[in-house]
Amino acid sequence: MNKSSVKAARRNAKPASKSLAKSVAKLVQRKGKKAAKAARTSAKKSSNAARRTTAATAAKAHAPRAAAPGKSELAIMRTASPPVQPVAIEIPVKTHKYVVGDTVYYNSPSFGRAAATGSYTVVKLLPSEGDDYQYRIKSTGEAFERVAKESQLDRA
Protein backbone atom coordinates (compact mmCIF):
# COMPACT_ATOMS: atom_id res chain seq x y z
CA MET A 1 0.00 0.00 0.00
CA ASN A 2 1.14 3.45 -0.73
CA LYS A 3 0.84 6.47 1.57
CA SER A 4 -2.28 7.90 -0.04
CA SER A 5 -4.23 4.66 0.29
CA VAL A 6 -3.20 4.34 3.97
CA LYS A 7 -4.39 7.89 4.64
CA ALA A 8 -7.65 7.18 2.84
CA ALA A 9 -8.17 4.03 4.88
CA ARG A 10 -7.56 5.93 8.12
CA ARG A 11 -9.98 8.66 7.07
CA ASN A 12 -12.64 6.11 6.31
CA ALA A 13 -12.01 4.17 9.53
CA LYS A 14 -12.14 7.16 11.93
CA PRO A 15 -15.72 8.23 11.27
CA ALA A 16 -16.97 4.71 11.81
CA SER A 17 -15.31 4.47 15.21
CA LYS A 18 -16.40 8.01 16.12
CA SER A 19 -19.98 7.39 15.06
CA LEU A 20 -20.06 4.16 17.07
CA ALA A 21 -18.76 5.97 20.14
CA LYS A 22 -21.31 8.76 19.65
CA SER A 23 -24.20 6.33 19.31
CA VAL A 24 -23.10 4.46 22.45
CA ALA A 25 -22.84 7.74 24.35
CA LYS A 26 -26.32 8.81 23.16
CA LEU A 27 -27.76 5.46 24.21
CA VAL A 28 -26.24 5.79 27.70
CA GLN A 29 -27.45 9.36 27.91
CA ARG A 30 -31.02 8.38 26.94
CA LYS A 31 -31.10 5.65 29.54
CA GLY A 32 -29.82 8.14 32.13
CA LYS A 33 -32.49 10.66 31.14
CA LYS A 34 -35.22 8.04 31.35
CA ALA A 35 -34.07 6.96 34.80
CA ALA A 36 -33.91 10.59 35.99
CA LYS A 37 -37.40 11.28 34.61
CA ALA A 38 -38.79 8.19 36.33
CA ALA A 39 -37.25 9.31 39.63
CA ARG A 40 -38.75 12.81 39.21
CA THR A 41 -42.24 11.53 38.48
CA SER A 42 -42.20 9.16 41.46
CA ALA A 43 -41.02 11.97 43.74
CA LYS A 44 -43.74 14.26 42.38
CA LYS A 45 -46.42 11.60 42.97
CA SER A 46 -45.31 11.05 46.55
CA SER A 47 -45.23 14.81 47.31
CA ASN A 48 -48.72 15.22 45.83
CA ALA A 49 -50.01 12.38 47.98
CA ALA A 50 -48.41 13.93 51.07
CA ARG A 51 -49.99 17.28 50.21
CA ARG A 52 -53.42 15.69 49.83
CA THR A 53 -53.19 13.98 53.23
CA THR A 54 -51.98 17.21 54.87
CA ALA A 55 -54.86 19.17 53.32
CA ALA A 56 -57.38 16.56 54.45
CA THR A 57 -55.98 16.64 58.01
CA ALA A 58 -56.13 20.46 58.07
CA ALA A 59 -59.72 20.43 56.79
CA LYS A 60 -60.73 18.03 59.56
CA ALA A 61 -59.06 20.21 62.19
CA HIS A 62 -60.89 23.36 61.05
CA ALA A 63 -64.27 21.72 60.43
CA PRO A 64 -67.09 23.07 62.64
CA ARG A 65 -67.99 20.72 65.46
CA ALA A 66 -71.50 19.51 65.98
CA ALA A 67 -73.24 21.24 68.86
CA ALA A 68 -74.15 19.19 71.90
CA PRO A 69 -77.88 18.57 72.34
CA GLY A 70 -79.54 21.44 74.16
CA LYS A 71 -76.79 23.96 73.29
CA SER A 72 -77.14 26.64 70.69
CA GLU A 73 -76.22 25.64 67.18
CA LEU A 74 -74.42 28.87 66.43
CA ALA A 75 -70.78 28.43 65.48
CA ILE A 76 -68.14 31.10 65.38
CA MET A 77 -66.75 31.57 61.91
CA ARG A 78 -63.19 32.89 61.81
CA THR A 79 -62.30 35.19 58.96
CA ALA A 80 -59.41 37.48 58.24
CA SER A 81 -60.12 41.05 59.29
CA PRO A 82 -60.51 43.54 56.44
CA PRO A 83 -57.68 45.99 55.82
CA VAL A 84 -58.11 49.36 57.49
CA GLN A 85 -57.66 52.52 55.44
CA PRO A 86 -55.62 55.30 57.08
CA VAL A 87 -57.70 58.30 58.03
CA ALA A 88 -56.98 61.29 55.83
CA ILE A 89 -56.40 64.58 57.58
CA GLU A 90 -58.53 67.27 56.03
CA ILE A 91 -56.55 70.34 55.11
CA PRO A 92 -58.60 73.47 54.59
CA VAL A 93 -58.45 74.43 50.92
CA LYS A 94 -58.08 78.11 50.17
CA THR A 95 -60.06 79.31 47.16
CA HIS A 96 -59.77 82.37 44.93
CA LYS A 97 -61.03 85.57 46.55
CA TYR A 98 -62.34 87.05 43.29
CA VAL A 99 -64.26 85.47 40.40
CA VAL A 100 -64.19 86.14 36.67
CA GLY A 101 -65.98 89.41 35.88
CA ASP A 102 -65.30 91.09 39.26
CA THR A 103 -64.05 94.68 39.20
CA VAL A 104 -60.90 95.07 41.33
CA TYR A 105 -58.47 97.87 42.20
CA TYR A 106 -54.86 97.09 41.25
CA ASN A 107 -51.99 98.42 43.37
CA SER A 108 -48.78 98.15 41.35
CA PRO A 109 -45.64 97.03 43.19
CA SER A 110 -43.26 99.80 44.24
CA PHE A 111 -40.18 98.03 42.84
CA GLY A 112 -39.51 97.47 39.14
CA ARG A 113 -41.49 99.28 36.51
CA ALA A 114 -44.50 101.21 37.70
CA ALA A 115 -47.81 99.96 36.28
CA ALA A 116 -50.97 101.94 36.00
CA THR A 117 -52.89 101.55 39.24
CA GLY A 118 -56.62 101.70 38.91
CA SER A 119 -59.76 99.74 38.16
CA TYR A 120 -59.42 96.41 36.35
CA THR A 121 -61.71 93.49 35.49
CA VAL A 122 -60.77 89.88 36.36
CA VAL A 123 -60.50 87.96 33.07
CA LYS A 124 -59.10 84.59 34.22
CA LEU A 125 -58.25 82.74 37.44
CA LEU A 126 -54.68 81.41 37.52
CA PRO A 127 -53.08 78.83 39.84
CA SER A 128 -51.35 79.91 43.02
CA GLU A 129 -47.72 80.91 43.20
CA GLY A 130 -46.68 80.07 46.74
CA ASP A 131 -49.35 81.35 49.13
CA ASP A 132 -50.87 83.86 46.69
CA TYR A 133 -53.37 83.11 43.92
CA GLN A 134 -52.88 84.88 40.63
CA TYR A 135 -55.35 86.54 38.30
CA ARG A 136 -55.29 87.77 34.73
CA ILE A 137 -56.75 91.29 34.77
CA LYS A 138 -57.57 93.82 32.04
CA SER A 139 -58.16 97.54 32.10
CA THR A 140 -60.69 99.15 29.76
CA GLY A 141 -58.07 101.76 28.79
CA GLU A 142 -55.39 99.20 27.81
CA ALA A 143 -55.28 96.71 24.93
CA PHE A 144 -53.34 94.02 26.88
CA GLU A 145 -53.87 91.94 30.00
CA ARG A 146 -51.74 91.79 33.16
CA VAL A 147 -51.03 89.08 35.70
CA ALA A 148 -51.51 90.18 39.29
CA LYS A 149 -51.21 88.44 42.64
CA GLU A 150 -54.15 88.40 45.02
CA SER A 151 -52.20 90.52 47.51
CA GLN A 152 -51.97 93.32 44.91
CA LEU A 153 -55.76 93.49 44.39
CA ASP A 154 -58.56 95.08 46.42
CA ARG A 155 -62.33 95.10 45.90
CA ALA A 156 -63.46 98.14 43.93
C-alpha atoms as a PDB file:
ATOM      1  CA  MET A   1       0.000   0.000   0.000  1.00  0.00           C
ATOM      2  CA  ASN A   2       1.140   3.447  -0.729  1.00  0.00           C
ATOM      3  CA  LYS A   3       0.841   6.473   1.567  1.00  0.00           C
ATOM      4  CA  SER A   4      -2.284   7.903  -0.037  1.00  0.00           C
ATOM      5  CA  SER A   5      -4.232   4.660   0.290  1.00  0.00           C
ATOM      6  CA  VAL A   6      -3.196   4.342   3.970  1.00  0.00           C
ATOM      7  CA  LYS A   7      -4.386   7.885   4.636  1.00  0.00           C
ATOM      8  CA  ALA A   8      -7.645   7.182   2.836  1.00  0.00           C
ATOM      9  CA  ALA A   9      -8.172   4.033   4.879  1.00  0.00           C
ATOM     10  CA  ARG A  10      -7.556   5.933   8.122  1.00  0.00           C
ATOM     11  CA  ARG A  11      -9.981   8.664   7.068  1.00  0.00           C
ATOM     12  CA  ASN A  12     -12.644   6.110   6.311  1.00  0.00           C
ATOM     13  CA  ALA A  13     -12.006   4.166   9.528  1.00  0.00           C
ATOM     14  CA  LYS A  14     -12.140   7.165  11.935  1.00  0.00           C
ATOM     15  CA  PRO A  15     -15.724   8.227  11.273  1.00  0.00           C
ATOM     16  CA  ALA A  16     -16.975   4.706  11.808  1.00  0.00           C
ATOM     17  CA  SER A  17     -15.307   4.467  15.214  1.00  0.00           C
ATOM     18  CA  LYS A  18     -16.398   8.009  16.123  1.00  0.00           C
ATOM     19  CA  SER A  19     -19.976   7.390  15.056  1.00  0.00           C
ATOM     20  CA  LEU A  20     -20.057   4.157  17.066  1.00  0.00           C
ATOM     21  CA  ALA A  21     -18.757   5.972  20.139  1.00  0.00           C
ATOM     22  CA  LYS A  22     -21.307   8.762  19.654  1.00  0.00           C
ATOM     23  CA  SER A  23     -24.198   6.329  19.305  1.00  0.00           C
ATOM     24  CA  VAL A  24     -23.105   4.458  22.447  1.00  0.00           C
ATOM     25  CA  ALA A  25     -22.840   7.741  24.349  1.00  0.00           C
ATOM     26  CA  LYS A  26     -26.323   8.809  23.162  1.00  0.00           C
ATOM     27  CA  LEU A  27     -27.762   5.458  24.214  1.00  0.00           C
ATOM     28  CA  VAL A  28     -26.238   5.794  27.695  1.00  0.00           C
ATOM     29  CA  GLN A  29     -27.450   9.356  27.913  1.00  0.00           C
ATOM     30  CA  ARG A  30     -31.019   8.379  26.939  1.00  0.00           C
ATOM     31  CA  LYS A  31     -31.102   5.654  29.544  1.00  0.00           C
ATOM     32  CA  GLY A  32     -29.819   8.135  32.133  1.00  0.00           C
ATOM     33  CA  LYS A  33     -32.486  10.661  31.141  1.00  0.00           C
ATOM     34  CA  LYS A  34     -35.224   8.041  31.353  1.00  0.00           C
ATOM     35  CA  ALA A  35     -34.066   6.962  34.801  1.00  0.00           C
ATOM     36  CA  ALA A  36     -33.911  10.587  35.989  1.00  0.00           C
ATOM     37  CA  LYS A  37     -37.397  11.277  34.613  1.00  0.00           C
ATOM     38  CA  ALA A  38     -38.787   8.189  36.327  1.00  0.00           C
ATOM     39  CA  ALA A  39     -37.247   9.310  39.629  1.00  0.00           C
ATOM     40  CA  ARG A  40     -38.746  12.813  39.215  1.00  0.00           C
ATOM     41  CA  THR A  41     -42.241  11.530  38.483  1.00  0.00           C
ATOM     42  CA  SER A  42     -42.204   9.158  41.459  1.00  0.00           C
ATOM     43  CA  ALA A  43     -41.016  11.969  43.742  1.00  0.00           C
ATOM     44  CA  LYS A  44     -43.742  14.258  42.384  1.00  0.00           C
ATOM     45  CA  LYS A  45     -46.418  11.603  42.971  1.00  0.00           C
ATOM     46  CA  SER A  46     -45.305  11.054  46.552  1.00  0.00           C
ATOM     47  CA  SER A  47     -45.230  14.807  47.310  1.00  0.00           C
ATOM     48  CA  ASN A  48     -48.720  15.219  45.831  1.00  0.00           C
ATOM     49  CA  ALA A  49     -50.011  12.383  47.982  1.00  0.00           C
ATOM     50  CA  ALA A  50     -48.406  13.926  51.072  1.00  0.00           C
ATOM     51  CA  ARG A  51     -49.988  17.283  50.208  1.00  0.00           C
ATOM     52  CA  ARG A  52     -53.421  15.689  49.832  1.00  0.00           C
ATOM     53  CA  THR A  53     -53.186  13.981  53.225  1.00  0.00           C
ATOM     54  CA  THR A  54     -51.976  17.211  54.874  1.00  0.00           C
ATOM     55  CA  ALA A  55     -54.859  19.174  53.317  1.00  0.00           C
ATOM     56  CA  ALA A  56     -57.381  16.563  54.451  1.00  0.00           C
ATOM     57  CA  THR A  57     -55.982  16.644  58.006  1.00  0.00           C
ATOM     58  CA  ALA A  58     -56.130  20.459  58.072  1.00  0.00           C
ATOM     59  CA  ALA A  59     -59.718  20.431  56.790  1.00  0.00           C
ATOM     60  CA  LYS A  60     -60.734  18.031  59.561  1.00  0.00           C
ATOM     61  CA  ALA A  61     -59.057  20.206  62.189  1.00  0.00           C
ATOM     62  CA  HIS A  62     -60.891  23.359  61.051  1.00  0.00           C
ATOM     63  CA  ALA A  63     -64.271  21.716  60.429  1.00  0.00           C
ATOM     64  CA  PRO A  64     -67.093  23.068  62.637  1.00  0.00           C
ATOM     65  CA  ARG A  65     -67.995  20.719  65.457  1.00  0.00           C
ATOM     66  CA  ALA A  66     -71.501  19.506  65.978  1.00  0.00           C
ATOM     67  CA  ALA A  67     -73.237  21.242  68.863  1.00  0.00           C
ATOM     68  CA  ALA A  68     -74.150  19.193  71.897  1.00  0.00           C
ATOM     69  CA  PRO A  69     -77.876  18.567  72.345  1.00  0.00           C
ATOM     70  CA  GLY A  70     -79.543  21.444  74.164  1.00  0.00           C
ATOM     71  CA  LYS A  71     -76.785  23.961  73.291  1.00  0.00           C
ATOM     72  CA  SER A  72     -77.142  26.643  70.688  1.00  0.00           C
ATOM     73  CA  GLU A  73     -76.223  25.637  67.175  1.00  0.00           C
ATOM     74  CA  LEU A  74     -74.416  28.873  66.431  1.00  0.00           C
ATOM     75  CA  ALA A  75     -70.781  28.435  65.476  1.00  0.00           C
ATOM     76  CA  ILE A  76     -68.140  31.104  65.379  1.00  0.00           C
ATOM     77  CA  MET A  77     -66.755  31.573  61.910  1.00  0.00           C
ATOM     78  CA  ARG A  78     -63.195  32.888  61.812  1.00  0.00           C
ATOM     79  CA  THR A  79     -62.304  35.188  58.964  1.00  0.00           C
ATOM     80  CA  ALA A  80     -59.415  37.482  58.243  1.00  0.00           C
ATOM     81  CA  SER A  81     -60.118  41.046  59.286  1.00  0.00           C
ATOM     82  CA  PRO A  82     -60.506  43.537  56.439  1.00  0.00           C
ATOM     83  CA  PRO A  83     -57.683  45.995  55.819  1.00  0.00           C
ATOM     84  CA  VAL A  84     -58.105  49.360  57.487  1.00  0.00           C
ATOM     85  CA  GLN A  85     -57.656  52.523  55.440  1.00  0.00           C
ATOM     86  CA  PRO A  86     -55.620  55.298  57.076  1.00  0.00           C
ATOM     87  CA  VAL A  87     -57.701  58.303  58.033  1.00  0.00           C
ATOM     88  CA  ALA A  88     -56.979  61.289  55.826  1.00  0.00           C
ATOM     89  CA  ILE A  89     -56.401  64.582  57.579  1.00  0.00           C
ATOM     90  CA  GLU A  90     -58.534  67.273  56.034  1.00  0.00           C
ATOM     91  CA  ILE A  91     -56.546  70.339  55.109  1.00  0.00           C
ATOM     92  CA  PRO A  92     -58.598  73.473  54.589  1.00  0.00           C
ATOM     93  CA  VAL A  93     -58.448  74.429  50.922  1.00  0.00           C
ATOM     94  CA  LYS A  94     -58.081  78.111  50.169  1.00  0.00           C
ATOM     95  CA  THR A  95     -60.060  79.311  47.163  1.00  0.00           C
ATOM     96  CA  HIS A  96     -59.772  82.368  44.926  1.00  0.00           C
ATOM     97  CA  LYS A  97     -61.030  85.568  46.549  1.00  0.00           C
ATOM     98  CA  TYR A  98     -62.336  87.046  43.287  1.00  0.00           C
ATOM     99  CA  VAL A  99     -64.263  85.474  40.405  1.00  0.00           C
ATOM    100  CA  VAL A 100     -64.190  86.144  36.666  1.00  0.00           C
ATOM    101  CA  GLY A 101     -65.982  89.410  35.878  1.00  0.00           C
ATOM    102  CA  ASP A 102     -65.298  91.095  39.258  1.00  0.00           C
ATOM    103  CA  THR A 103     -64.051  94.684  39.201  1.00  0.00           C
ATOM    104  CA  VAL A 104     -60.898  95.069  41.326  1.00  0.00           C
ATOM    105  CA  TYR A 105     -58.475  97.867  42.196  1.00  0.00           C
ATOM    106  CA  TYR A 106     -54.860  97.092  41.247  1.00  0.00           C
ATOM    107  CA  ASN A 107     -51.987  98.416  43.370  1.00  0.00           C
ATOM    108  CA  SER A 108     -48.780  98.150  41.346  1.00  0.00           C
ATOM    109  CA  PRO A 109     -45.641  97.030  43.187  1.00  0.00           C
ATOM    110  CA  SER A 110     -43.260  99.801  44.239  1.00  0.00           C
ATOM    111  CA  PHE A 111     -40.178  98.030  42.839  1.00  0.00           C
ATOM    112  CA  GLY A 112     -39.510  97.471  39.137  1.00  0.00           C
ATOM    113  CA  ARG A 113     -41.489  99.283  36.514  1.00  0.00           C
ATOM    114  CA  ALA A 114     -44.499 101.205  37.698  1.00  0.00           C
ATOM    115  CA  ALA A 115     -47.810  99.963  36.282  1.00  0.00           C
ATOM    116  CA  ALA A 116     -50.974 101.936  36.004  1.00  0.00           C
ATOM    117  CA  THR A 117     -52.894 101.548  39.236  1.00  0.00           C
ATOM    118  CA  GLY A 118     -56.621 101.705  38.915  1.00  0.00           C
ATOM    119  CA  SER A 119     -59.756  99.742  38.164  1.00  0.00           C
ATOM    120  CA  TYR A 120     -59.418  96.407  36.355  1.00  0.00           C
ATOM    121  CA  THR A 121     -61.710  93.490  35.489  1.00  0.00           C
ATOM    122  CA  VAL A 122     -60.773  89.884  36.356  1.00  0.00           C
ATOM    123  CA  VAL A 123     -60.503  87.957  33.071  1.00  0.00           C
ATOM    124  CA  LYS A 124     -59.104  84.587  34.224  1.00  0.00           C
ATOM    125  CA  LEU A 125     -58.252  82.735  37.443  1.00  0.00           C
ATOM    126  CA  LEU A 126     -54.681  81.405  37.516  1.00  0.00           C
ATOM    127  CA  PRO A 127     -53.079  78.829  39.842  1.00  0.00           C
ATOM    128  CA  SER A 128     -51.347  79.910  43.016  1.00  0.00           C
ATOM    129  CA  GLU A 129     -47.719  80.914  43.199  1.00  0.00           C
ATOM    130  CA  GLY A 130     -46.680  80.065  46.737  1.00  0.00           C
ATOM    131  CA  ASP A 131     -49.349  81.348  49.126  1.00  0.00           C
ATOM    132  CA  ASP A 132     -50.874  83.862  46.694  1.00  0.00           C
ATOM    133  CA  TYR A 133     -53.372  83.109  43.921  1.00  0.00           C
ATOM    134  CA  GLN A 134     -52.875  84.875  40.632  1.00  0.00           C
ATOM    135  CA  TYR A 135     -55.352  86.542  38.302  1.00  0.00           C
ATOM    136  CA  ARG A 136     -55.293  87.765  34.728  1.00  0.00           C
ATOM    137  CA  ILE A 137     -56.752  91.291  34.773  1.00  0.00           C
ATOM    138  CA  LYS A 138     -57.570  93.820  32.040  1.00  0.00           C
ATOM    139  CA  SER A 139     -58.159  97.540  32.101  1.00  0.00           C
ATOM    140  CA  THR A 140     -60.688  99.146  29.759  1.00  0.00           C
ATOM    141  CA  GLY A 141     -58.070 101.764  28.785  1.00  0.00           C
ATOM    142  CA  GLU A 142     -55.391  99.200  27.811  1.00  0.00           C
ATOM    143  CA  ALA A 143     -55.278  96.710  24.926  1.00  0.00           C
ATOM    144  CA  PHE A 144     -53.344  94.020  26.878  1.00  0.00           C
ATOM    145  CA  GLU A 145     -53.872  91.937  30.001  1.00  0.00           C
ATOM    146  CA  ARG A 146     -51.739  91.795  33.158  1.00  0.00           C
ATOM    147  CA  VAL A 147     -51.026  89.078  35.702  1.00  0.00           C
ATOM    148  CA  ALA A 148     -51.512  90.179  39.289  1.00  0.00           C
ATOM    149  CA  LYS A 149     -51.215  88.437  42.644  1.00  0.00           C
ATOM    150  CA  GLU A 150     -54.155  88.399  45.020  1.00  0.00           C
ATOM    151  CA  SER A 151     -52.202  90.524  47.510  1.00  0.00           C
ATOM    152  CA  GLN A 152     -51.966  93.322  44.906  1.00  0.00           C
ATOM    153  CA  LEU A 153     -55.757  93.487  44.390  1.00  0.00           C
ATOM    154  CA  ASP A 154     -58.560  95.084  46.419  1.00  0.00           C
ATOM    155  CA  ARG A 155     -62.330  95.103  45.904  1.00  0.00           C
ATOM    156  CA  ALA A 156     -63.459  98.136  43.925  1.00  0.00           C
END
